[in-house]
């Protein structure tokens, strides 16, 4: 039986359209809108016991939370998606979401690795299988494409955290440095990449093979 969203019945095909809309809102840099829409879709899918829908909704929810700088919510959504998907061995549901999902999975892997309990080991093994399903990293840029002034190791670390969706304050907390230090690193990254925003920086960094 179709579900209901916005006071009317929602068919399976309409759900696909709403999921596509959530992805569009993410691409437009509107994570709050994406999270609101995904929250409503999740409540509906959960009430009807549609596990396949929940996997996709929670995976997108993790991306939306990360884009909003809410790392605890991103990790919680991702762990829900993994717990639902692992018994069926889903891989493409995550790998097809590209570099942002790869970054979140890598961050999640770091949080799981120190744990010794059986559920964490099982989740860690599953994350490794998903990461192996991602395309290989692009080749290193040709010398003509190399930066005039390369990024330092710390700047590359900050860039990776930016790619994972962390806010400046989250990065400062993760690296145990001041917010002003993070802003200085990001300004240095912008200057070396010859860009003016996070979006431009991530696009340029991917073109140069600095991030995936």
Protein backbone atom coordinates (compact mmCIF):
# COMPACT_ATOMS: atom_id res chain seq x y z
CA UNK A 1 0.00 0.00 0.00
CA UNK A 2 1.44 3.43 -0.87
CA UNK A 3 2.63 5.62 1.96
CA UNK A 4 1.76 9.21 2.67
CA UNK A 5 3.88 12.33 2.48
CA UNK A 6 2.54 15.86 2.71
CA UNK A 7 -0.99 14.63 3.34
CA UNK A 8 -1.30 12.46 0.26
CA UNK A 9 -0.48 8.92 -0.82
CA UNK A 10 3.10 8.28 -1.88
CA UNK A 11 3.89 5.58 -4.43
CA UNK A 12 7.19 3.74 -4.77
CA UNK A 13 8.02 5.72 -7.93
CA UNK A 14 7.31 8.98 -6.10
CA UNK A 15 9.67 7.90 -3.34
CA UNK A 16 12.41 7.53 -5.96
CA UNK A 17 11.65 11.08 -7.12
CA UNK A 18 11.85 12.39 -3.54
CA UNK A 19 15.18 10.63 -2.99
CA UNK A 20 16.48 12.23 -6.20
CA UNK A 21 15.24 15.59 -4.90
CA UNK A 22 17.16 15.05 -1.66
CA UNK A 23 20.32 14.36 -3.67
CA UNK A 24 19.69 17.51 -5.69
CA UNK A 25 19.36 19.57 -2.52
CA UNK A 26 22.70 18.16 -1.36
CA UNK A 27 24.32 19.07 -4.67
CA UNK A 28 22.87 22.58 -4.32
CA UNK A 29 24.48 22.96 -0.90
CA UNK A 30 21.17 22.81 0.95
CA UNK A 31 21.73 19.99 3.46
CA UNK A 32 19.05 21.24 5.87
CA UNK A 33 16.38 20.85 3.19
CA UNK A 34 17.71 17.39 2.31
CA UNK A 35 17.67 16.31 5.97
CA UNK A 36 14.09 17.50 6.45
CA UNK A 37 12.89 15.59 3.39
CA UNK A 38 14.85 12.44 4.27
CA UNK A 39 13.52 12.52 7.84
CA UNK A 40 9.96 12.39 6.56
CA UNK A 41 10.79 9.65 4.07
CA UNK A 42 12.54 7.63 6.77
CA UNK A 43 9.56 7.77 9.14
CA UNK A 44 7.34 6.49 6.36
CA UNK A 45 9.70 3.71 5.24
CA UNK A 46 10.24 2.60 8.85
CA UNK A 47 6.50 2.46 9.52
CA UNK A 48 6.07 0.18 6.51
CA UNK A 49 9.15 -1.96 7.21
CA UNK A 50 10.81 -1.22 3.85
CA UNK A 51 14.41 -2.16 4.61
CA UNK A 52 15.74 -1.39 1.13
CA UNK A 53 14.37 2.14 1.29
CA UNK A 54 15.79 2.64 4.78
CA UNK A 55 19.30 1.76 3.56
CA UNK A 56 19.22 4.40 0.84
CA UNK A 57 17.53 6.99 3.04
CA UNK A 58 20.01 6.52 5.90
CA UNK A 59 23.00 6.57 3.51
CA UNK A 60 21.81 9.87 2.05
CA UNK A 61 20.99 11.06 5.55
CA UNK A 62 24.62 10.46 6.54
CA UNK A 63 25.79 12.60 3.61
CA UNK A 64 23.32 15.36 4.48
CA UNK A 65 24.34 15.40 8.14
CA UNK A 66 28.03 15.50 7.22
CA UNK A 67 27.41 18.35 4.78
CA UNK A 68 25.68 20.22 7.60
CA UNK A 69 28.70 19.66 9.87
CA UNK A 70 26.81 17.29 12.18
CA UNK A 71 29.32 14.45 12.40
CA UNK A 72 27.62 12.51 15.26
CA UNK A 73 24.36 12.40 13.28
CA UNK A 74 26.26 11.44 10.11
CA UNK A 75 27.95 8.54 11.87
CA UNK A 76 24.69 7.41 13.50
CA UNK A 77 22.84 7.43 10.16
CA UNK A 78 25.68 5.57 8.46
CA UNK A 79 25.82 2.91 11.18
CA UNK A 80 22.06 2.39 10.85
CA UNK A 81 22.42 1.97 7.10
CA UNK A 82 25.31 -0.47 7.55
CA UNK A 83 23.45 -2.54 10.14
CA UNK A 84 20.44 -2.85 7.81
CA UNK A 85 22.48 -3.53 4.68
CA UNK A 86 25.15 -5.91 6.01
CA UNK A 87 23.01 -9.08 6.18
CA UNK A 88 22.20 -8.70 2.47
CA UNK A 89 25.72 -7.65 1.50
CA UNK A 90 24.78 -4.39 -0.24
CA UNK A 91 27.82 -2.64 -1.73
CA UNK A 92 26.71 -0.43 -4.62
CA UNK A 93 24.12 1.37 -2.46
CA UNK A 94 27.10 3.02 -0.78
CA UNK A 95 29.80 2.96 -3.47
CA UNK A 96 27.52 4.65 -6.02
CA UNK A 97 27.31 7.72 -3.76
CA UNK A 98 30.88 8.59 -4.65
CA UNK A 99 33.67 10.41 -2.88
CA UNK A 100 31.59 12.02 -0.09
CA UNK A 101 30.37 8.58 1.03
CA UNK A 102 33.89 7.20 0.78
CA UNK A 103 35.09 9.96 3.11
CA UNK A 104 32.36 9.24 5.67
CA UNK A 105 33.02 5.51 5.52
CA UNK A 106 36.72 6.11 6.06
CA UNK A 107 35.95 8.31 9.07
CA UNK A 108 33.58 5.65 10.41
CA UNK A 109 36.25 2.99 9.94
CA UNK A 110 38.65 4.99 12.10
CA UNK A 111 36.07 5.08 14.90
CA UNK A 112 35.38 1.34 14.65
CA UNK A 113 38.98 0.13 14.42
CA UNK A 114 39.94 0.51 18.11
CA UNK A 115 36.93 -1.46 19.31
CA UNK A 116 37.34 -5.13 20.13
CA UNK A 117 33.71 -6.31 20.37
CA UNK A 118 32.27 -8.68 17.76
CA UNK A 119 29.66 -6.26 16.28
CA UNK A 120 32.36 -3.65 15.68
CA UNK A 121 34.66 -6.19 14.03
CA UNK A 122 31.82 -7.32 11.79
CA UNK A 123 30.94 -3.74 10.87
CA UNK A 124 34.60 -2.99 10.20
CA UNK A 125 34.90 -5.95 7.83
CA UNK A 126 31.77 -4.81 6.01
CA UNK A 127 33.06 -1.24 5.67
CA UNK A 128 36.28 -2.63 4.18
CA UNK A 129 34.26 -4.58 1.61
CA UNK A 130 32.34 -1.46 0.64
CA UNK A 131 35.48 0.64 0.36
CA UNK A 132 37.00 -2.01 -1.91
CA UNK A 133 33.98 -1.59 -4.22
CA UNK A 134 34.79 2.06 -4.90
CA UNK A 135 36.63 2.86 -8.15
CA UNK A 136 40.38 3.14 -7.87
CA UNK A 137 41.71 6.59 -7.10
CA UNK A 138 42.46 8.69 -10.17
CA UNK A 139 46.07 8.77 -11.35
CA UNK A 140 48.36 11.48 -10.06
CA UNK A 141 48.25 14.67 -12.09
CA UNK A 142 50.76 15.23 -14.86
CA UNK A 143 53.68 17.53 -13.98
CA UNK A 144 52.07 20.37 -15.98
CA UNK A 145 49.05 20.14 -13.67
CA UNK A 146 51.04 20.10 -10.45
CA UNK A 147 50.67 22.96 -8.00
CA UNK A 148 53.24 25.75 -8.09
CA UNK A 149 53.37 25.50 -4.29
CA UNK A 150 52.38 22.03 -2.98
CA UNK A 151 50.10 21.65 0.02
CA UNK A 152 51.78 20.72 3.28
CA UNK A 153 50.94 17.48 5.08
CA UNK A 154 48.79 19.43 7.56
CA UNK A 155 46.97 21.26 4.76
CA UNK A 156 46.25 17.92 3.06
CA UNK A 157 44.87 16.61 6.37
CA UNK A 158 42.62 19.67 6.70
CA UNK A 159 41.53 19.29 3.06
CA UNK A 160 40.52 15.66 3.68
CA UNK A 161 38.42 16.70 6.67
CA UNK A 162 36.78 19.43 4.59
CA UNK A 163 35.96 16.77 1.99
CA UNK A 164 34.40 14.67 4.76
CA UNK A 165 32.00 17.53 5.45
CA UNK A 166 33.43 18.77 8.75
CA UNK A 167 32.93 22.40 9.73
CA UNK A 168 35.88 24.60 10.70
CA UNK A 169 35.08 24.08 14.38
CA UNK A 170 34.80 20.29 13.92
CA UNK A 171 38.20 20.28 12.21
CA UNK A 172 39.69 22.32 15.04
CA UNK A 173 38.27 19.87 17.58
CA UNK A 174 39.52 16.85 15.61
CA UNK A 175 43.05 18.24 15.22
CA UNK A 176 43.10 19.78 18.72
CA UNK A 177 44.03 23.23 17.41
CA UNK A 178 42.44 26.66 17.55
CA UNK A 179 39.72 27.75 15.15
CA UNK A 180 41.97 30.56 13.88
CA UNK A 181 44.62 27.97 12.97
CA UNK A 182 42.12 25.99 10.91
CA UNK A 183 40.98 29.16 9.12
CA UNK A 184 44.61 29.99 8.33
CA UNK A 185 45.16 26.50 6.87
CA UNK A 186 42.00 26.78 4.76
CA UNK A 187 43.01 30.22 3.48
CA UNK A 188 46.42 28.80 2.54
CA UNK A 189 44.68 25.94 0.71
CA UNK A 190 42.47 28.40 -1.18
CA UNK A 191 45.52 30.41 -2.20
CA UNK A 192 47.54 27.42 -3.39
CA UNK A 193 44.58 25.97 -5.31
CA UNK A 194 43.63 29.43 -6.66
CA UNK A 195 40.00 29.15 -5.49
CA UNK A 196 37.59 31.19 -3.38
CA UNK A 197 35.30 28.64 -1.70
CA UNK A 198 35.09 25.14 -0.23
CA UNK A 199 33.18 23.88 -3.25
CA UNK A 200 35.79 25.21 -5.65
CA UNK A 201 38.60 23.88 -3.47
CA UNK A 202 37.16 20.36 -3.41
CA UNK A 203 36.57 20.39 -7.18
CA UNK A 204 40.13 21.56 -7.88
CA UNK A 205 41.60 19.11 -5.37
CA UNK A 206 39.79 16.21 -7.06
CA UNK A 207 41.03 17.35 -10.46
CA UNK A 208 44.58 17.26 -9.09
CA UNK A 209 44.09 13.88 -7.43
CA UNK A 210 44.63 15.31 -3.95
CA UNK A 211 41.36 13.76 -2.72
CA UNK A 212 39.01 11.13 -4.13
